[in-house]
């Protein structure tokens, strides 16, 4: 497990360096404030720093069994992972025809059951706030174009 963590850290450090170099192709500032290069620069910097810190921590640790996971995961865990991946693929397939609100509503109604949460009232509140609330904020306040869908909802 220690070697896997180290390899993963190196991969993320490499991605961070790549995305930082890409962010230099965009202006850091524009006339209104932060430009299109601002967010990718800082995201790559933070990701690289955290990956480097994790690499140092992993390399310096003495024990290789501490915090190790059971590989492969047990059957119920694998089923939950598969169900959530299938839900993501279905969500991507119906995103344009159903629109953002309905797709996210259905996904957020289904996702907690896939994670093992059974409080129906909390799931409904989470799904409605997560779909219609997030749509309202992004579409009307932030003016981000999101798909409406064939039903117009």
Foldseek 3Di string as FASTA:
>chain_A
DLVVLLVVLVVLLVVLVVQLVVLVVWDQADPVGGTPSVVSNVVSVVSNVVSVVSNVVSVPDDDPPPPDDDPPDDDLVVQLVVVLVVLVVVLVVCCQAQWQQVSQLVSLLVNVVSVPDDPNVVSNVCSNCVRVVVCCCCCPVVVDDTHCHPVND
